[in-house]
C-alpha cells in the first residue's frame, strides 16, 4: 500500500492538514484583488498553501500565475520568469498563447518537446528586444499589465521566495520599478511569499522602501494541535495502520506543530513499520531515521556559523 504521508512538497490534490481558515482568508483577499505578503519559517507549507489558493481561484476563472524567485541571479531573470509563467499557463491554448506573446512583445515563447509527464513539452522565453536590466523589467511589467486589463475575472500572481530579489544588484530600483507597475494593475492580486521574515518586513514595512505599506501582512503559524493529531491518526488509518492518539500527540509535541515534520516523521514511521499497529518503538526508530537523513544538513549549517554564533 502506498505511504499516505509525504516527504516532499504536497500535491494540490493531497490531503491537507487544517489550514481551512487560512485558505478561506487568502482566497478572499485574492478575490478582492488585495496584495498580501505571506511569511513563515521554511517548510511550513507556504508553497502548498498558495498553490491550493490558486487552484480554488482557477475554478472561478481567475488566472493563476506562479513564479518562484529562488536562485534568481539577474534582473533579466526576474522579467523572464514572469513571461515564462504567463506563457506556461496558456501553453495548451494556442490562441491565447499567441495573444499573450503579441502583447508581451519583449519575450518570445520557446516550446521544446521533452518527455514531460504532463504536457510532453517545456516552455521558456527569449528576449526580442535590446532592452536589458531595469528597462527590460519596466517593459515586461507594463506589457503584463496591459494584457490583464481585458480579463474580467482577473489574475492572481504569486512571487514565491520574493526576498531573493534583495540579493540582486540595484535591488531597490528593481523594487521601485515593480511597485510602479503593480500599483496600477487593478485586475491583479499579488502574493509576495517568503521565509526570511526580517527581509520581507524590511521590504514592506520600511518607510523608505518602494513597497512600503503596499500589502497585507499575513503570518503562517504552526499547525493547531488537535487538528494535527487527528490528521496523523487518520492518515495512518488510510494506509492500513493504527496509530494511537498518544503517539500522534507525541509527534506533534516533539516538533511543536512544524508542518514539514508532521508529514516527514510519520512518513518514516510508516516505511519502517511492518506491523499494522504503531508503537512507541516505531516512533523512536522513525525519529532516528529522520535525524540520520538530515544530520548532514544540520552539520552544514554549523560549518557556516562562527564560534560566537554557535554559542548563542
Foldseek 3Di string as FASTA:
>chain_A
DDQLFDLDQDDLPRDDQDCPVVLVVVLVCFQVQAAEEEEAAPQQNPVSSVVNSQVVLVVVVAAEFEFECVPPAAQVVVLFRRLQRVLVSCVVPVVVSVVLCVLQVQWDKDWAQDCDVPPRIGIGIDGPDPDDGLVSNLSSLVSVLVSQVVDPSAYEYEYAQQLVLVVYPPSQSSQQSNLVRSVVSSRYYYYYYHHPVVSVCCQAPVPVGNNDVRHHYHYDDARDQVSLLVVLQVSLVVVQAGEDSVLSSVQCVVVVRRNSSSRQLSSQLVVVDPDRYRDPVSSVVSVVVVCVVCVVVVVVVVVVDDPVVVVD
